[in-house]
Amino acid sequence: MKLKKPTLLLDKQKCLENIRRMKFKADRHKLIFRPHFKTHQSAGVGEWFREVGVDKITVSSVGMASYFSAKAWKDITIAFPLNMAEIDDINQLASEISLNILVENEAAVSFLSGNLHSAVGVFIKIDAGYHRTGIAVDDHLAILELIRKIEKSAHLTFKGFIVHNGHTYHASARDEILTIHNQSLEKLSHLRHFMLQKRVDAIYSVGDTPSMSLSENFENIDEIRPGNFVFYDLMQQKSGACQFSDIALALACPVVAKHNSRNEIVIYGGAVHLSKDFIQDKNGHKIFGLVVELLPTGWGTPVDDTFVKSLSQEHGIIKASDHFFKQTKIGDFIGILPVHSCLTVHAMGEFVVLENNPEKTELKLCCM
């Protein structure tokens, strides 16, 4: 395949290793493994999960649930609070598959009770410290009251609690991630104890990639739902959740200009391809991506002192080392490791799969 424009490359071998590693951890701890498919959004990658025995998945939207339902996934949790306007699509899905949806307030439960035509499972969104949304984990009485309302509905079956500790993504070190995770587990243990006293049986489901990658403590947890781990990215590497060698995506970008006076390289690859998420290095520089040299079967390690310093809609500006600046020619393609793989995949909409075989490199297009 001849590259013509920004193209997202996927190293299949790295991706498979990431999947197998997380599946092995779930099996070792006797956890339900319900991976989040919002990162890859691909039926093809989904088959790689199926090959290791995954039969339950998480998605982030009704549309994504419909897409994977059509690909023969029959046990799906939509891990996003109910959007009432999509009730017709929810009813259609619920008539075809085992569907779990997410609620966090009485309004959602009342609406579902009056508008559902088929049975669905219900998880309650719990806030254990992220403060994005959900019922506070220590508000036991409010949680119990919502469960009782769910139990009164003919088509709703209470399944359990969903927690996403998204603040681990902003942690700067392994110890900080583990502290957040362990604090969350402690809060959930109090919730479990209270619910057992009230004779409420529930699945306790957690799902952030940093914690799932680093921790071996899953006390009082029944299910894990990580998603980003399938590809990883620079945000995860910076936090210690993965190594550079685990990152399975690189955006191949053509060089369109060079500016000698400031050692800057201009690429065709901007915010519409990479998003505008960034990390910061020890000197306070904003990093919108790290540069790697493309190889016949993938890419190398990040180039020293070379990074994407800014992005506009279609342009990317690379601050380059002297050596890399001199060796790079206008018209070359170079690779960019993304800061946030979920957003990069969504922005690109498709990727090319590299079959990492030294004797035969196959390029296959996976459209999402």
Protein backbone atom coordinates (compact mmCIF):
# COMPACT_ATOMS: atom_id res chain seq x y z
CA MET A 1 0.00 0.00 0.00
CA LYS A 2 1.36 3.41 -0.97
CA LEU A 3 0.87 6.09 1.66
CA LYS A 4 -0.60 9.35 0.32
CA LYS A 5 -1.90 11.23 3.36
CA PRO A 6 -2.03 10.91 7.17
CA THR A 7 -2.63 7.23 7.82
CA LEU A 8 -3.12 5.50 11.15
CA LEU A 9 -0.96 2.39 11.44
CA LEU A 10 -1.77 -0.46 13.81
CA ASP A 11 0.88 -2.97 14.87
CA LYS A 12 -1.14 -6.17 15.17
CA GLN A 13 1.43 -8.06 17.22
CA LYS A 14 1.64 -5.36 19.89
CA CYS A 15 -2.13 -5.14 20.00
CA LEU A 16 -2.51 -8.90 20.43
CA GLU A 17 0.04 -8.92 23.24
CA ASN A 18 -1.85 -6.14 25.02
CA ILE A 19 -5.12 -8.07 24.71
CA ARG A 20 -3.63 -11.36 25.92
CA ARG A 21 -1.89 -9.70 28.86
CA MET A 22 -5.09 -8.09 30.15
CA LYS A 23 -7.17 -11.22 29.55
CA PHE A 24 -4.61 -13.26 31.49
CA LYS A 25 -4.79 -10.81 34.39
CA ALA A 26 -8.58 -11.01 34.47
CA ASP A 27 -8.47 -14.81 34.41
CA ARG A 28 -5.79 -14.92 37.10
CA HIS A 29 -7.94 -12.83 39.43
CA LYS A 30 -11.15 -14.63 38.44
CA LEU A 31 -12.73 -11.44 37.13
CA ILE A 32 -15.37 -10.94 34.46
CA PHE A 33 -13.53 -9.37 31.53
CA ARG A 34 -15.79 -6.94 29.69
CA PRO A 35 -13.36 -4.79 27.65
CA HIS A 36 -14.41 -1.35 26.49
CA PHE A 37 -14.49 -1.19 22.70
CA LYS A 38 -14.67 2.62 22.46
CA THR A 39 -10.91 2.82 21.83
CA HIS A 40 -10.68 0.65 18.72
CA GLN A 41 -14.32 0.75 17.49
CA SER A 42 -13.41 -1.97 15.01
CA ALA A 43 -15.12 -5.25 14.21
CA GLY A 44 -11.77 -6.60 13.05
CA VAL A 45 -10.01 -5.85 16.33
CA GLY A 46 -13.09 -7.16 18.12
CA GLU A 47 -12.46 -10.56 16.55
CA TRP A 48 -9.00 -10.63 18.16
CA PHE A 49 -10.74 -10.35 21.53
CA ARG A 50 -13.18 -13.10 20.60
CA GLU A 51 -10.26 -15.38 19.74
CA VAL A 52 -9.02 -15.24 23.36
CA GLY A 53 -12.47 -16.04 24.76
CA VAL A 54 -14.07 -12.64 25.28
CA ASP A 55 -17.86 -12.73 24.87
CA LYS A 56 -18.97 -9.65 26.84
CA ILE A 57 -18.12 -6.08 25.85
CA THR A 58 -18.57 -2.46 26.89
CA VAL A 59 -19.34 0.42 24.52
CA SER A 60 -19.86 4.14 24.98
CA SER A 61 -22.95 4.80 22.87
CA VAL A 62 -26.14 3.27 21.56
CA GLY A 63 -24.80 3.58 18.02
CA MET A 64 -21.67 1.65 18.94
CA ALA A 65 -23.80 -1.03 20.60
CA SER A 66 -25.83 -1.37 17.38
CA TYR A 67 -22.65 -1.67 15.33
CA PHE A 68 -21.23 -4.48 17.46
CA SER A 69 -24.60 -6.18 17.83
CA ALA A 70 -24.63 -6.48 14.04
CA LYS A 71 -21.20 -8.18 14.33
CA ALA A 72 -22.66 -10.93 16.55
CA TRP A 73 -21.76 -9.50 19.96
CA LYS A 74 -24.74 -10.45 22.13
CA ASP A 75 -23.82 -9.26 25.64
CA ILE A 76 -23.19 -5.51 25.66
CA THR A 77 -23.06 -2.84 28.34
CA ILE A 78 -23.51 0.79 27.27
CA ALA A 79 -21.34 2.57 29.85
CA PHE A 80 -22.83 6.02 29.35
CA PRO A 81 -25.82 7.52 31.18
CA LEU A 82 -29.17 7.00 29.49
CA ASN A 83 -30.00 9.34 26.62
CA MET A 84 -33.80 9.29 26.59
CA ALA A 85 -33.98 10.46 22.96
CA GLU A 86 -32.56 7.08 21.83
CA ILE A 87 -35.25 4.94 23.45
CA ASP A 88 -36.45 3.48 20.13
CA ASP A 89 -32.93 2.25 19.34
CA ILE A 90 -32.56 0.91 22.88
CA ASN A 91 -35.80 -1.02 22.53
CA GLN A 92 -34.61 -2.48 19.25
CA LEU A 93 -31.31 -3.57 20.78
CA ALA A 94 -32.97 -4.99 23.88
CA SER A 95 -35.16 -7.20 21.70
CA GLU A 96 -32.10 -8.69 20.02
CA ILE A 97 -29.30 -8.99 22.61
CA SER A 98 -28.55 -9.07 26.33
CA LEU A 99 -28.28 -5.32 26.91
CA ASN A 100 -27.13 -3.45 30.00
CA ILE A 101 -27.64 0.29 30.32
CA LEU A 102 -26.48 2.90 32.80
CA VAL A 103 -28.53 5.13 35.08
CA GLU A 104 -27.77 7.46 37.96
CA ASN A 105 -31.06 9.19 38.74
CA GLU A 106 -34.76 8.58 39.32
CA ALA A 107 -35.72 10.43 36.13
CA ALA A 108 -33.95 7.85 33.99
CA VAL A 109 -35.51 4.93 35.85
CA SER A 110 -39.01 6.40 35.61
CA PHE A 111 -38.59 7.04 31.90
CA LEU A 112 -37.36 3.51 31.25
CA SER A 113 -40.19 2.03 33.30
CA GLY A 114 -42.72 3.76 31.09
CA ASN A 115 -41.04 3.31 27.71
CA LEU A 116 -39.17 0.00 27.58
CA HIS A 117 -40.68 -2.93 25.69
CA SER A 118 -38.04 -5.57 26.44
CA ALA A 119 -35.94 -6.54 29.44
CA VAL A 120 -32.63 -4.76 30.07
CA GLY A 121 -30.03 -4.97 32.78
CA VAL A 122 -29.29 -1.81 34.72
CA PHE A 123 -26.04 -0.65 36.26
CA ILE A 124 -25.91 2.38 38.53
CA LYS A 125 -23.13 4.87 37.81
CA ILE A 126 -21.06 5.46 40.96
CA ASP A 127 -18.64 8.32 41.55
CA ALA A 128 -15.69 7.09 43.61
CA GLY A 129 -13.60 10.24 43.22
CA TYR A 130 -13.47 11.24 39.54
CA HIS A 131 -16.37 13.71 39.94
CA ARG A 132 -17.43 13.57 36.30
CA THR A 133 -20.86 12.11 36.99
CA GLY A 134 -22.56 9.42 39.05
CA ILE A 135 -23.95 9.05 42.58
CA ALA A 136 -21.36 9.58 45.31
CA VAL A 137 -20.06 6.20 46.41
CA ASP A 138 -20.70 6.95 50.08
CA ASP A 139 -24.32 8.07 49.56
CA HIS A 140 -25.54 4.60 50.41
CA LEU A 141 -29.15 5.51 51.12
CA ALA A 142 -29.62 7.35 47.82
CA ILE A 143 -28.11 4.39 45.96
CA LEU A 144 -30.37 1.95 47.79
CA GLU A 145 -33.45 4.06 47.05
CA LEU A 146 -32.61 4.03 43.32
CA ILE A 147 -32.15 0.25 43.40
CA ARG A 148 -35.59 -0.17 44.96
CA LYS A 149 -37.14 1.92 42.18
CA ILE A 150 -35.36 -0.22 39.57
CA GLU A 151 -36.65 -3.39 41.20
CA LYS A 152 -40.25 -2.16 40.87
CA SER A 153 -39.98 -1.89 37.08
CA ALA A 154 -41.23 -4.81 34.99
CA HIS A 155 -38.51 -4.55 32.35
CA LEU A 156 -35.52 -3.53 34.49
CA THR A 157 -33.14 -5.91 36.27
CA PHE A 158 -30.61 -4.39 38.65
CA LYS A 159 -27.15 -5.74 37.78
CA GLY A 160 -24.66 -3.74 39.82
CA PHE A 161 -22.41 -0.70 40.00
CA ILE A 162 -20.08 0.83 37.45
CA VAL A 163 -17.09 2.95 38.44
CA HIS A 164 -14.62 4.74 36.18
CA ASN A 165 -11.67 6.32 37.97
CA GLY A 166 -10.77 8.60 35.10
CA HIS A 167 -8.59 10.78 37.32
CA THR A 168 -5.90 8.09 37.06
CA TYR A 169 -5.30 9.35 33.51
CA HIS A 170 -4.02 12.60 34.98
CA ALA A 171 -1.72 10.92 37.49
CA SER A 172 1.98 11.53 37.00
CA ALA A 173 3.37 8.32 38.48
CA ARG A 174 2.62 4.68 39.17
CA ASP A 175 2.23 5.20 42.93
CA GLU A 176 -0.36 7.92 42.40
CA ILE A 177 -2.41 5.64 40.15
CA LEU A 178 -2.30 2.81 42.67
CA THR A 179 -3.27 5.16 45.49
CA ILE A 180 -6.35 6.33 43.56
CA HIS A 181 -7.25 2.74 42.73
CA ASN A 182 -6.86 1.48 46.28
CA GLN A 183 -8.84 4.38 47.72
CA SER A 184 -11.63 3.58 45.27
CA LEU A 185 -11.61 -0.08 46.29
CA GLU A 186 -11.82 0.89 49.94
CA LYS A 187 -14.89 3.03 49.26
CA LEU A 188 -16.47 0.24 47.22
CA SER A 189 -15.85 -2.23 50.05
CA HIS A 190 -17.97 -0.04 52.35
CA LEU A 191 -20.68 0.09 49.69
CA ARG A 192 -20.58 -3.69 49.29
CA HIS A 193 -20.82 -4.22 53.05
CA PHE A 194 -23.85 -1.92 53.26
CA MET A 195 -25.57 -3.59 50.30
CA LEU A 196 -25.00 -7.07 51.69
CA GLN A 197 -26.67 -5.97 54.90
CA LYS A 198 -29.64 -4.88 52.78
CA ARG A 199 -29.55 -8.19 50.88
CA VAL A 200 -28.64 -6.53 47.60
CA ASP A 201 -26.55 -8.73 45.30
CA ALA A 202 -24.54 -6.74 42.76
CA ILE A 203 -21.67 -6.83 40.27
CA TYR A 204 -18.95 -4.31 41.13
CA SER A 205 -17.36 -3.18 37.86
CA VAL A 206 -14.34 -0.90 37.43
CA GLY A 207 -12.69 0.15 34.23
CA ASP A 208 -9.75 2.55 33.92
CA THR A 209 -6.72 1.33 31.96
CA PRO A 210 -3.99 2.75 34.25
CA SER A 211 -5.29 0.92 37.32
CA MET A 212 -6.08 -2.26 35.42
CA SER A 213 -2.60 -2.28 33.91
CA LEU A 214 -0.65 -1.68 37.12
CA SER A 215 -2.61 -3.11 40.01
CA GLU A 216 -2.80 -6.65 41.29
CA ASN A 217 -5.36 -5.67 43.93
CA PHE A 218 -8.94 -6.38 42.87
CA GLU A 219 -10.46 -7.10 46.25
CA ASN A 220 -14.26 -6.75 46.22
CA ILE A 221 -14.25 -6.29 42.41
CA ASP A 222 -16.16 -8.65 40.11
CA GLU A 223 -15.64 -7.15 36.64
CA ILE A 224 -13.09 -5.01 34.80
CA ARG A 225 -13.75 -2.86 31.72
CA PRO A 226 -10.48 -1.29 30.50
CA GLY A 227 -10.38 -0.02 26.92
CA ASN A 228 -7.36 2.11 26.11
CA PHE A 229 -4.96 -0.77 26.90
CA VAL A 230 -5.68 -2.33 23.52
CA PHE A 231 -3.48 0.33 21.87
CA TYR A 232 -2.09 2.41 24.77
CA ASP A 233 -0.60 5.86 24.06
CA LEU A 234 1.78 8.52 25.38
CA MET A 235 -0.54 9.48 28.21
CA GLN A 236 -0.41 5.92 29.50
CA GLN A 237 3.34 5.66 28.99
CA LYS A 238 3.98 8.87 30.91
CA SER A 239 1.95 7.59 33.86
CA GLY A 240 3.87 4.31 33.92
CA ALA A 241 0.95 2.16 32.77
CA CYS A 242 2.85 0.94 29.70
CA GLN A 243 6.17 1.11 27.87
CA PHE A 244 6.82 2.75 24.51
CA SER A 245 7.05 -0.76 23.08
CA ASP A 246 3.42 -1.43 24.09
CA ILE A 247 1.99 1.46 22.06
CA ALA A 248 0.35 -0.19 19.06
CA LEU A 249 -0.56 2.91 17.02
CA ALA A 250 1.42 5.45 15.03
CA LEU A 251 0.11 8.11 12.68
CA ALA A 252 2.14 8.14 9.44
CA CYS A 253 2.40 11.76 8.24
CA PRO A 254 4.02 13.28 5.15
CA VAL A 255 6.61 16.04 5.60
CA VAL A 256 5.52 19.11 3.64
CA ALA A 257 8.03 21.78 4.74
CA LYS A 258 11.23 22.47 6.74
CA HIS A 259 12.38 25.66 8.41
CA ASN A 260 16.15 25.77 8.91
CA SER A 261 16.18 28.88 11.10
CA ARG A 262 14.26 27.14 13.89
CA ASN A 263 14.83 23.40 13.27
CA GLU A 264 11.12 22.84 12.68
CA ILE A 265 9.48 20.33 10.38
CA VAL A 266 5.93 20.81 9.11
CA ILE A 267 3.80 17.69 8.61
CA TYR A 268 0.42 17.05 7.08
CA GLY A 269 -1.16 15.88 10.31
CA GLY A 270 -2.98 18.21 12.68
CA ALA A 271 -5.66 18.42 15.33
CA VAL A 272 -8.24 16.78 13.05
CA HIS A 273 -5.99 13.70 13.03
CA LEU A 274 -4.38 13.63 16.47
CA SER A 275 -6.80 15.70 18.61
CA LYS A 276 -5.38 18.48 20.79
CA ASP A 277 -4.64 16.41 23.87
CA PHE A 278 -1.11 16.89 25.13
CA ILE A 279 1.31 15.86 27.85
CA GLN A 280 4.15 17.94 29.28
CA ASP A 281 7.80 17.00 29.52
CA LYS A 282 10.10 17.77 32.46
CA ASN A 283 10.89 21.17 30.94
CA GLY A 284 7.24 22.15 30.71
CA HIS A 285 6.99 21.74 26.93
CA LYS A 286 3.61 20.71 25.58
CA ILE A 287 3.96 17.43 23.67
CA PHE A 288 1.22 16.67 21.12
CA GLY A 289 2.98 13.53 19.89
CA LEU A 290 6.41 11.89 19.76
CA VAL A 291 8.20 11.21 16.49
CA VAL A 292 9.28 7.72 15.41
CA GLU A 293 10.99 6.55 12.24
CA LEU A 294 8.86 4.27 10.11
CA LEU A 295 10.25 0.81 9.33
CA PRO A 296 9.14 -1.88 6.85
CA THR A 297 7.30 -3.76 9.62
CA GLY A 298 6.39 -0.93 11.99
CA TRP A 299 8.35 1.84 13.67
CA GLY A 300 11.25 2.44 16.01
CA THR A 301 11.58 4.08 19.42
CA PRO A 302 10.91 7.81 19.84
CA VAL A 303 13.55 10.06 18.30
CA ASP A 304 15.56 11.95 20.92
CA ASP A 305 14.73 15.64 21.42
CA THR A 306 12.09 15.57 18.69
CA PHE A 307 8.37 16.09 19.29
CA VAL A 308 5.18 17.64 17.94
CA LYS A 309 5.18 21.08 19.55
CA SER A 310 1.92 22.46 18.15
CA LEU A 311 -1.11 21.55 16.06
CA SER A 312 -3.57 23.50 13.98
CA GLN A 313 -6.37 21.98 11.95
CA GLU A 314 -4.25 20.19 9.31
CA HIS A 315 -0.69 21.26 10.24
CA GLY A 316 1.64 19.71 12.77
CA ILE A 317 4.85 21.47 13.78
CA ILE A 318 7.74 19.29 14.91
CA LYS A 319 10.63 20.62 16.96
CA ALA A 320 13.49 18.45 15.74
CA SER A 321 16.99 17.57 16.88
CA ASP A 322 19.80 18.65 14.57
CA HIS A 323 20.41 15.09 13.39
CA PHE A 324 16.77 14.30 12.65
CA PHE A 325 16.20 17.66 10.96
CA LYS A 326 19.13 17.09 8.60
CA GLN A 327 18.19 13.51 7.67
CA THR A 328 14.50 14.23 7.06
CA LYS A 329 13.50 15.25 3.55
CA ILE A 330 10.38 16.97 2.27
CA GLY A 331 8.16 14.19 0.96
CA ASP A 332 9.25 11.66 3.62
CA PHE A 333 6.70 9.98 5.85
CA ILE A 334 7.38 9.94 9.58
CA GLY A 335 5.43 8.38 12.44
CA ILE A 336 3.76 10.13 15.36
CA LEU A 337 2.89 8.26 18.56
CA PRO A 338 -0.47 9.69 19.74
CA VAL A 339 -1.05 11.26 23.13
CA HIS A 340 -4.58 9.83 23.36
CA SER A 341 -5.25 6.82 21.15
CA CYS A 342 -9.04 6.84 21.71
CA LEU A 343 -9.43 10.30 20.22
CA THR A 344 -6.92 9.67 17.43
CA VAL A 345 -8.75 6.54 16.30
CA HIS A 346 -12.08 8.33 16.39
CA ALA A 347 -10.67 11.28 14.47
CA MET A 348 -9.12 9.09 11.76
CA GLY A 349 -12.03 6.68 11.35
CA GLU A 350 -9.88 3.91 9.91
CA PHE A 351 -6.44 2.36 10.20
CA VAL A 352 -4.04 0.12 8.36
CA VAL A 353 -3.05 -3.09 10.12
CA LEU A 354 0.62 -4.05 9.96
CA GLU A 355 1.16 -7.78 10.04
CA ASN A 356 4.50 -7.75 11.82
CA ASN A 357 6.22 -10.53 9.90
CA PRO A 358 9.79 -9.89 8.72
CA GLU A 359 9.26 -12.12 5.70
CA LYS A 360 5.89 -10.79 4.61
CA THR A 361 4.30 -7.52 5.65
CA GLU A 362 0.61 -7.34 4.85
CA LEU A 363 -1.38 -4.12 4.99
CA LYS A 364 -5.09 -4.48 5.62
CA LEU A 365 -7.60 -1.67 5.90
CA CYS A 366 -10.05 -1.79 8.82
CA CYS A 367 -12.88 0.70 8.49
CA MET A 368 -14.81 1.69 11.60
